[in-house]
């Protein structure tokens, strides 16, 4: 009976103090660490990643193999004019694929006459050349003041030849009314000797002309000062090339 009374008193004392406070799960507690799952060989995403890696390796190897199929061809160092038989070229290695057969390889030295203009930096196509032996040609040397010729005039350039008659060569003509005369158009430069200037500081310029054009060039140098005007490559055309070849056949 004494034990029963003691148990009742103990239970009543516990109830009078109320229920024990519950601890908040977010305060004073450490969250449990979660272990990352290692990828399994049966995971579809893993196989997709491996497949993409293998495909990219094969594609990269294919592109590298195609890029290694290169050839060495000729490239123009400067503008090459229509009718020119002299060229400033340099070898260059490029990847052209099947189009490589259309250009002159460095194993061949180009020969003939240019039918079309080639701009500086362009590759040299095989179709740009004609027969260098078509028709007779003559070379005529004229003295030109350096200030009456383009800067950097070189073999292979195409020029128009002008002449301004001296006053004493035009009898009965007022010196103020003398105007330049267009002697020839689209004339090829064969050689330029600017190192050793001649009488009056003139440089010797060798022109390539047809035989029937020689008298005009000679007369232009006799009657007065000769001016050479360069014809830019972008102003030359197929028609100009046709004229050059037609003159060569005369």
C-alpha atoms as a PDB file:
ATOM      1  CA  UNK A   1       0.000   0.000   0.000  1.00  0.00           C
ATOM      2  CA  UNK A   2       2.910   2.299   0.797  1.00  0.00           C
ATOM      3  CA  UNK A   3       4.404   1.679  -2.654  1.00  0.00           C
ATOM      4  CA  UNK A   4       1.144   2.419  -4.413  1.00  0.00           C
ATOM      5  CA  UNK A   5       0.832   5.760  -2.630  1.00  0.00           C
ATOM      6  CA  UNK A   6       4.407   6.682  -3.541  1.00  0.00           C
ATOM      7  CA  UNK A   7       3.804   5.895  -7.224  1.00  0.00           C
ATOM      8  CA  UNK A   8       0.711   8.080  -7.340  1.00  0.00           C
ATOM      9  CA  UNK A   9       2.554  11.021  -5.790  1.00  0.00           C
ATOM     10  CA  UNK A  10       5.391  10.687  -8.268  1.00  0.00           C
ATOM     11  CA  UNK A  11       3.016  10.614 -11.243  1.00  0.00           C
ATOM     12  CA  UNK A  12       1.160  13.692 -10.020  1.00  0.00           C
ATOM     13  CA  UNK A  13       4.438  15.624  -9.589  1.00  0.00           C
ATOM     14  CA  UNK A  14       5.495  14.831 -13.130  1.00  0.00           C
ATOM     15  CA  UNK A  15       2.131  15.903 -14.537  1.00  0.00           C
ATOM     16  CA  UNK A  16       2.219  19.203 -12.592  1.00  0.00           C
ATOM     17  CA  UNK A  17       5.424  20.202 -14.343  1.00  0.00           C
ATOM     18  CA  UNK A  18       3.849  19.725 -17.791  1.00  0.00           C
ATOM     19  CA  UNK A  19       5.200  17.791 -20.744  1.00  0.00           C
ATOM     20  CA  UNK A  20       8.905  17.972 -21.475  1.00  0.00           C
ATOM     21  CA  UNK A  21       9.738  20.648 -24.096  1.00  0.00           C
ATOM     22  CA  UNK A  22      10.340  19.241 -27.530  1.00  0.00           C
ATOM     23  CA  UNK A  23      13.654  20.098 -29.246  1.00  0.00           C
ATOM     24  CA  UNK A  24      13.480  21.853 -32.599  1.00  0.00           C
ATOM     25  CA  UNK A  25      15.032  19.702 -35.252  1.00  0.00           C
ATOM     26  CA  UNK A  26      16.708  22.738 -36.884  1.00  0.00           C
ATOM     27  CA  UNK A  27      18.496  24.097 -33.812  1.00  0.00           C
ATOM     28  CA  UNK A  28      21.480  22.444 -32.267  1.00  0.00           C
ATOM     29  CA  UNK A  29      21.285  19.431 -34.561  1.00  0.00           C
ATOM     30  CA  UNK A  30      23.723  18.394 -37.292  1.00  0.00           C
ATOM     31  CA  UNK A  31      22.165  17.207 -40.586  1.00  0.00           C
ATOM     32  CA  UNK A  32      23.176  13.780 -41.656  1.00  0.00           C
ATOM     33  CA  UNK A  33      25.662  13.709 -44.561  1.00  0.00           C
ATOM     34  CA  UNK A  34      24.379  12.103 -47.725  1.00  0.00           C
ATOM     35  CA  UNK A  35      26.802   9.994 -49.723  1.00  0.00           C
ATOM     36  CA  UNK A  36      26.961  10.620 -53.483  1.00  0.00           C
ATOM     37  CA  UNK A  37      26.059   7.711 -55.583  1.00  0.00           C
ATOM     38  CA  UNK A  38      28.853   6.528 -57.859  1.00  0.00           C
ATOM     39  CA  UNK A  39      27.757   6.163 -61.504  1.00  0.00           C
ATOM     40  CA  UNK A  40      26.710   2.712 -62.439  1.00  0.00           C
ATOM     41  CA  UNK A  41      27.642   1.055 -65.712  1.00  0.00           C
ATOM     42  CA  UNK A  42      23.983   0.573 -66.386  1.00  0.00           C
ATOM     43  CA  UNK A  43      23.277   4.350 -66.278  1.00  0.00           C
ATOM     44  CA  UNK A  44      22.057   5.558 -69.732  1.00  0.00           C
ATOM     45  CA  UNK A  45      23.543   9.039 -69.272  1.00  0.00           C
ATOM     46  CA  UNK A  46      26.991   7.551 -68.721  1.00  0.00           C
ATOM     47  CA  UNK A  47      26.851   5.637 -71.992  1.00  0.00           C
ATOM     48  CA  UNK A  48      25.612   8.706 -73.871  1.00  0.00           C
ATOM     49  CA  UNK A  49      28.580  10.727 -72.572  1.00  0.00           C
ATOM     50  CA  UNK A  50      31.057   8.030 -73.605  1.00  0.00           C
ATOM     51  CA  UNK A  51      29.461   7.830 -77.060  1.00  0.00           C
ATOM     52  CA  UNK A  52      29.688  11.590 -77.612  1.00  0.00           C
ATOM     53  CA  UNK A  53      33.341  11.568 -76.581  1.00  0.00           C
ATOM     54  CA  UNK A  54      34.188   8.810 -79.077  1.00  0.00           C
ATOM     55  CA  UNK A  55      32.296  10.545 -81.914  1.00  0.00           C
ATOM     56  CA  UNK A  56      34.057  13.865 -81.275  1.00  0.00           C
ATOM     57  CA  UNK A  57      37.437  12.102 -81.352  1.00  0.00           C
ATOM     58  CA  UNK A  58      36.691  10.546 -84.748  1.00  0.00           C
ATOM     59  CA  UNK A  59      35.394  13.833 -86.188  1.00  0.00           C
ATOM     60  CA  UNK A  60      38.478  15.717 -84.996  1.00  0.00           C
ATOM     61  CA  UNK A  61      40.802  13.088 -86.469  1.00  0.00           C
ATOM     62  CA  UNK A  62      38.944  13.305 -89.797  1.00  0.00           C
ATOM     63  CA  UNK A  63      39.247  17.088 -89.936  1.00  0.00           C
ATOM     64  CA  UNK A  64      42.955  16.937 -89.139  1.00  0.00           C
ATOM     65  CA  UNK A  65      43.541  14.375 -91.865  1.00  0.00           C
ATOM     66  CA  UNK A  66      41.748  16.541 -94.416  1.00  0.00           C
ATOM     67  CA  UNK A  67      43.755  19.599 -93.379  1.00  0.00           C
ATOM     68  CA  UNK A  68      47.002  17.703 -93.871  1.00  0.00           C
ATOM     69  CA  UNK A  69      46.203  17.085 -97.580  1.00  0.00           C
ATOM     70  CA  UNK A  70      47.991  20.228 -98.785  1.00  0.00           C
ATOM     71  CA  UNK A  71      49.884  21.133-101.951  1.00  0.00           C
ATOM     72  CA  UNK A  72      52.472  23.775-102.800  1.00  0.00           C
ATOM     73  CA  UNK A  73      51.429  26.211-105.552  1.00  0.00           C
ATOM     74  CA  UNK A  74      52.545  29.613-106.854  1.00  0.00           C
ATOM     75  CA  UNK A  75      51.181  32.856-105.419  1.00  0.00           C
ATOM     76  CA  UNK A  76      51.571  36.338-106.934  1.00  0.00           C
ATOM     77  CA  UNK A  77      53.783  38.607-104.836  1.00  0.00           C
ATOM     78  CA  UNK A  78      52.549  41.695-106.680  1.00  0.00           C
ATOM     79  CA  UNK A  79      49.903  42.568-109.260  1.00  0.00           C
ATOM     80  CA  UNK A  80      50.466  40.680-112.535  1.00  0.00           C
ATOM     81  CA  UNK A  81      49.192  42.450-115.618  1.00  0.00           C
ATOM     82  CA  UNK A  82      47.592  41.188-118.803  1.00  0.00           C
ATOM     83  CA  UNK A  83      50.144  40.302-121.466  1.00  0.00           C
ATOM     84  CA  UNK A  84      52.984  39.990-118.954  1.00  0.00           C
ATOM     85  CA  UNK A  85      55.645  37.334-119.469  1.00  0.00           C
ATOM     86  CA  UNK A  86      57.530  38.095-116.258  1.00  0.00           C
ATOM     87  CA  UNK A  87      56.137  37.386-112.819  1.00  0.00           C
ATOM     88  CA  UNK A  88      57.067  37.857-109.176  1.00  0.00           C
ATOM     89  CA  UNK A  89      55.946  34.626-107.545  1.00  0.00           C
ATOM     90  CA  UNK A  90      56.412  32.864-104.236  1.00  0.00           C
ATOM     91  CA  UNK A  91      55.567  29.287-103.182  1.00  0.00           C
ATOM     92  CA  UNK A  92      52.754  28.756-100.719  1.00  0.00           C
ATOM     93  CA  UNK A  93      51.282  25.617 -99.163  1.00  0.00           C
ATOM     94  CA  UNK A  94      47.494  25.465 -99.175  1.00  0.00           C
ATOM     95  CA  UNK A  95      44.668  22.960 -98.884  1.00  0.00           C
ATOM     96  CA  UNK A  96      42.523  23.103-102.030  1.00  0.00           C
ATOM     97  CA  UNK A  97      41.113  19.609-102.300  1.00  0.00           C
ATOM     98  CA  UNK A  98      40.085  18.687-105.834  1.00  0.00           C
ATOM     99  CA  UNK A  99      40.543  22.324-106.953  1.00  0.00           C
ATOM    100  CA  UNK A 100      44.307  21.975-106.522  1.00  0.00           C
ATOM    101  CA  UNK A 101      44.584  20.616-110.070  1.00  0.00           C
ATOM    102  CA  UNK A 102      43.508  24.038-111.434  1.00  0.00           C
ATOM    103  CA  UNK A 103      46.576  25.887-110.120  1.00  0.00           C
ATOM    104  CA  UNK A 104      50.241  25.854-111.117  1.00  0.00           C
ATOM    105  CA  UNK A 105      52.280  23.723-108.666  1.00  0.00           C
ATOM    106  CA  UNK A 106      55.745  24.805-107.587  1.00  0.00           C
ATOM    107  CA  UNK A 107      57.167  21.797-109.417  1.00  0.00           C
ATOM    108  CA  UNK A 108      56.296  23.602-112.680  1.00  0.00           C
ATOM    109  CA  UNK A 109      57.682  26.933-113.814  1.00  0.00           C
ATOM    110  CA  UNK A 110      54.881  28.866-115.544  1.00  0.00           C
ATOM    111  CA  UNK A 111      55.520  30.035-119.087  1.00  0.00           C
ATOM    112  CA  UNK A 112      53.514  31.969-121.634  1.00  0.00           C
ATOM    113  CA  UNK A 113      51.597  35.232-121.632  1.00  0.00           C
ATOM    114  CA  UNK A 114      49.004  36.201-119.069  1.00  0.00           C
ATOM    115  CA  UNK A 115      45.532  36.427-120.589  1.00  0.00           C
ATOM    116  CA  UNK A 116      43.912  37.742-117.387  1.00  0.00           C
ATOM    117  CA  UNK A 117      45.196  39.966-114.576  1.00  0.00           C
ATOM    118  CA  UNK A 118      46.267  38.378-111.292  1.00  0.00           C
ATOM    119  CA  UNK A 119      46.055  40.482-108.124  1.00  0.00           C
ATOM    120  CA  UNK A 120      48.775  40.378-105.474  1.00  0.00           C
ATOM    121  CA  UNK A 121      48.183  37.484-103.084  1.00  0.00           C
ATOM    122  CA  UNK A 122      46.100  35.436-105.543  1.00  0.00           C
ATOM    123  CA  UNK A 123      47.064  31.930-106.565  1.00  0.00           C
ATOM    124  CA  UNK A 124      48.265  31.357-110.119  1.00  0.00           C
ATOM    125  CA  UNK A 125      45.680  29.416-112.166  1.00  0.00           C
ATOM    126  CA  UNK A 126      46.727  27.328-115.144  1.00  0.00           C
ATOM    127  CA  UNK A 127      43.972  28.859-117.267  1.00  0.00           C
ATOM    128  CA  UNK A 128      45.534  32.346-117.005  1.00  0.00           C
ATOM    129  CA  UNK A 129      48.251  31.637-119.577  1.00  0.00           C
ATOM    130  CA  UNK A 130      48.444  31.746-123.350  1.00  0.00           C
ATOM    131  CA  UNK A 131      51.184  30.916-125.792  1.00  0.00           C
ATOM    132  CA  UNK A 132      54.215  33.156-125.337  1.00  0.00           C
ATOM    133  CA  UNK A 133      55.308  32.627-128.957  1.00  0.00           C
ATOM    134  CA  UNK A 134      52.229  34.191-130.588  1.00  0.00           C
ATOM    135  CA  UNK A 135      53.348  36.862-133.030  1.00  0.00           C
ATOM    136  CA  UNK A 136      56.518  38.964-133.182  1.00  0.00           C
ATOM    137  CA  UNK A 137      57.368  41.514-130.497  1.00  0.00           C
ATOM    138  CA  UNK A 138      59.878  44.338-130.237  1.00  0.00           C
ATOM    139  CA  UNK A 139      61.460  45.961-127.200  1.00  0.00           C
ATOM    140  CA  UNK A 140      61.988  49.732-127.263  1.00  0.00           C
ATOM    141  CA  UNK A 141      63.845  51.731-124.606  1.00  0.00           C
ATOM    142  CA  UNK A 142      62.548  55.180-123.680  1.00  0.00           C
ATOM    143  CA  UNK A 143      63.969  57.700-121.243  1.00  0.00           C
ATOM    144  CA  UNK A 144      61.491  58.723-118.569  1.00  0.00           C
ATOM    145  CA  UNK A 145      61.863  61.232-115.785  1.00  0.00           C
ATOM    146  CA  UNK A 146      61.233  59.422-112.454  1.00  0.00           C
ATOM    147  CA  UNK A 147      58.574  62.016-111.640  1.00  0.00           C
ATOM    148  CA  UNK A 148      56.745  61.128-114.880  1.00  0.00           C
ATOM    149  CA  UNK A 149      56.377  57.416-114.070  1.00  0.00           C
ATOM    150  CA  UNK A 150      54.488  55.510-111.363  1.00  0.00           C
ATOM    151  CA  UNK A 151      56.323  54.829-108.116  1.00  0.00           C
ATOM    152  CA  UNK A 152      57.517  51.238-107.993  1.00  0.00           C
ATOM    153  CA  UNK A 153      57.232  50.673-111.745  1.00  0.00           C
ATOM    154  CA  UNK A 154      58.420  47.130-112.439  1.00  0.00           C
ATOM    155  CA  UNK A 155      58.529  44.479-115.177  1.00  0.00           C
ATOM    156  CA  UNK A 156      55.105  43.041-115.855  1.00  0.00           C
ATOM    157  CA  UNK A 157      53.235  46.300-115.325  1.00  0.00           C
ATOM    158  CA  UNK A 158      50.890  47.620-118.001  1.00  0.00           C
ATOM    159  CA  UNK A 159      51.036  51.341-118.823  1.00  0.00           C
ATOM    160  CA  UNK A 160      49.619  53.918-121.181  1.00  0.00           C
ATOM    161  CA  UNK A 161      52.288  55.942-122.999  1.00  0.00           C
ATOM    162  CA  UNK A 162      51.785  59.707-123.240  1.00  0.00           C
ATOM    163  CA  UNK A 163      54.011  62.316-124.834  1.00  0.00           C
ATOM    164  CA  UNK A 164      54.048  66.071-124.297  1.00  0.00           C
ATOM    165  CA  UNK A 165      55.742  67.722-127.309  1.00  0.00           C
ATOM    166  CA  UNK A 166      58.384  70.328-126.642  1.00  0.00           C
ATOM    167  CA  UNK A 167      57.545  73.882-127.726  1.00  0.00           C
ATOM    168  CA  UNK A 168      60.273  73.969-130.407  1.00  0.00           C
ATOM    169  CA  UNK A 169      58.911  70.794-131.999  1.00  0.00           C
ATOM    170  CA  UNK A 170      55.517  72.377-132.655  1.00  0.00           C
ATOM    171  CA  UNK A 171      56.224  75.157-135.168  1.00  0.00           C
ATOM    172  CA  UNK A 172      53.579  77.853-135.217  1.00  0.00           C
ATOM    173  CA  UNK A 173      51.927  76.567-132.036  1.00  0.00           C
ATOM    174  CA  UNK A 174      51.570  78.555-128.861  1.00  0.00           C
ATOM    175  CA  UNK A 175      53.454  76.838-126.017  1.00  0.00           C
ATOM    176  CA  UNK A 176      50.487  77.453-123.730  1.00  0.00           C
ATOM    177  CA  UNK A 177      48.174  75.388-125.944  1.00  0.00           C
ATOM    178  CA  UNK A 178      50.385  72.276-126.173  1.00  0.00           C
ATOM    179  CA  UNK A 179      48.607  69.277-124.670  1.00  0.00           C
ATOM    180  CA  UNK A 180      49.809  65.709-123.959  1.00  0.00           C
ATOM    181  CA  UNK A 181      49.241  63.126-126.700  1.00  0.00           C
ATOM    182  CA  UNK A 182      48.145  59.553-126.003  1.00  0.00           C
ATOM    183  CA  UNK A 183      50.644  57.466-127.974  1.00  0.00           C
ATOM    184  CA  UNK A 184      49.795  53.852-126.996  1.00  0.00           C
ATOM    185  CA  UNK A 185      47.570  52.066-124.511  1.00  0.00           C
ATOM    186  CA  UNK A 186      48.102  48.833-122.586  1.00  0.00           C
ATOM    187  CA  UNK A 187      51.844  48.530-123.166  1.00  0.00           C
ATOM    188  CA  UNK A 188      53.810  45.957-121.175  1.00  0.00           C
ATOM    189  CA  UNK A 189      56.953  46.867-119.238  1.00  0.00           C
ATOM    190  CA  UNK A 190      59.858  44.516-119.934  1.00  0.00           C
ATOM    191  CA  UNK A 191      62.556  46.138-117.795  1.00  0.00           C
ATOM    192  CA  UNK A 192      63.118  49.187-115.597  1.00  0.00           C
ATOM    193  CA  UNK A 193      66.635  50.478-114.948  1.00  0.00           C
ATOM    194  CA  UNK A 194      66.291  52.989-112.131  1.00  0.00           C
ATOM    195  CA  UNK A 195      69.689  52.329-110.551  1.00  0.00           C
ATOM    196  CA  UNK A 196      71.672  54.159-113.220  1.00  0.00           C
ATOM    197  CA  UNK A 197      69.953  57.315-114.428  1.00  0.00           C
ATOM    198  CA  UNK A 198      70.807  58.632-117.878  1.00  0.00           C
ATOM    199  CA  UNK A 199      71.125  62.132-119.254  1.00  0.00           C
ATOM    200  CA  UNK A 200      68.935  64.594-117.364  1.00  0.00           C
ATOM    201  CA  UNK A 201      68.295  62.088-114.577  1.00  0.00           C
ATOM    202  CA  UNK A 202      66.062  59.897-116.712  1.00  0.00           C
ATOM    203  CA  UNK A 203      65.596  56.185-116.087  1.00  0.00           C
ATOM    204  CA  UNK A 204      65.561  53.656-118.895  1.00  0.00           C
ATOM    205  CA  UNK A 205      62.259  51.843-119.362  1.00  0.00           C
ATOM    206  CA  UNK A 206      62.008  48.983-121.859  1.00  0.00           C
ATOM    207  CA  UNK A 207      58.596  48.599-123.506  1.00  0.00           C
ATOM    208  CA  UNK A 208      57.288  45.526-125.328  1.00  0.00           C
ATOM    209  CA  UNK A 209      55.344  46.529-128.444  1.00  0.00           C
ATOM    210  CA  UNK A 210      54.273  45.167-131.790  1.00  0.00           C
ATOM    211  CA  UNK A 211      56.597  45.905-134.749  1.00  0.00           C
ATOM    212  CA  UNK A 212      54.229  48.487-136.287  1.00  0.00           C
ATOM    213  CA  UNK A 213      54.103  50.393-132.978  1.00  0.00           C
ATOM    214  CA  UNK A 214      57.844  51.028-132.809  1.00  0.00           C
ATOM    215  CA  UNK A 215      57.749  54.304-134.865  1.00  0.00           C
ATOM    216  CA  UNK A 216      55.126  55.783-132.537  1.00  0.00           C
ATOM    217  CA  UNK A 217      57.182  55.049-129.432  1.00  0.00           C
ATOM    218  CA  UNK A 218      60.396  56.366-130.975  1.00  0.00           C
ATOM    219  CA  UNK A 219      58.679  59.558-132.152  1.00  0.00           C
ATOM    220  CA  UNK A 220      57.138  60.111-128.696  1.00  0.00           C
ATOM    221  CA  UNK A 221      60.598  60.148-127.128  1.00  0.00           C
ATOM    222  CA  UNK A 222      62.002  62.446-129.820  1.00  0.00           C
ATOM    223  CA  UNK A 223      59.416  65.203-129.795  1.00  0.00           C
ATOM    224  CA  UNK A 224      59.121  65.711-126.055  1.00  0.00           C
ATOM    225  CA  UNK A 225      58.782  64.269-122.554  1.00  0.00           C
ATOM    226  CA  UNK A 226      57.316  60.789-122.118  1.00  0.00           C
ATOM    227  CA  UNK A 227      54.863  60.017-119.308  1.00  0.00           C
ATOM    228  CA  UNK A 228      53.895  56.506-118.277  1.00  0.00           C
ATOM    229  CA  UNK A 229      50.529  55.938-116.613  1.00  0.00           C
ATOM    230  CA  UNK A 230      50.023  52.587-114.891  1.00  0.00           C
ATOM    231  CA  UNK A 231      46.880  50.606-115.723  1.00  0.00           C
ATOM    232  CA  UNK A 232      45.716  48.995-112.438  1.00  0.00           C
ATOM    233  CA  UNK A 233      44.941  45.296-112.401  1.00  0.00           C
ATOM    234  CA  UNK A 234      41.295  45.908-111.523  1.00  0.00           C
ATOM    235  CA  UNK A 235      40.995  48.100-114.650  1.00  0.00           C
ATOM    236  CA  UNK A 236      42.352  45.389-116.927  1.00  0.00           C
ATOM    237  CA  UNK A 237      39.884  42.994-118.469  1.00  0.00           C
ATOM    238  CA  UNK A 238      39.548  40.039-120.776  1.00  0.00           C
ATOM    239  CA  UNK A 239      39.123  42.532-123.602  1.00  0.00           C
ATOM    240  CA  UNK A 240      42.536  43.992-122.799  1.00  0.00           C
ATOM    241  CA  UNK A 241      44.046  40.524-122.918  1.00  0.00           C
ATOM    242  CA  UNK A 242      42.437  39.925-126.309  1.00  0.00           C
ATOM    243  CA  UNK A 243      43.915  43.174-127.612  1.00  0.00           C
ATOM    244  CA  UNK A 244      47.372  42.225-126.383  1.00  0.00           C
ATOM    245  CA  UNK A 245      47.252  38.845-128.069  1.00  0.00           C
ATOM    246  CA  UNK A 246      45.847  40.387-131.250  1.00  0.00           C
ATOM    247  CA  UNK A 247      48.720  42.856-131.342  1.00  0.00           C
ATOM    248  CA  UNK A 248      51.173  40.025-130.839  1.00  0.00           C
ATOM    249  CA  UNK A 249      49.807  38.264-133.915  1.00  0.00           C
ATOM    250  CA  UNK A 250      50.356  41.261-136.177  1.00  0.00           C
END
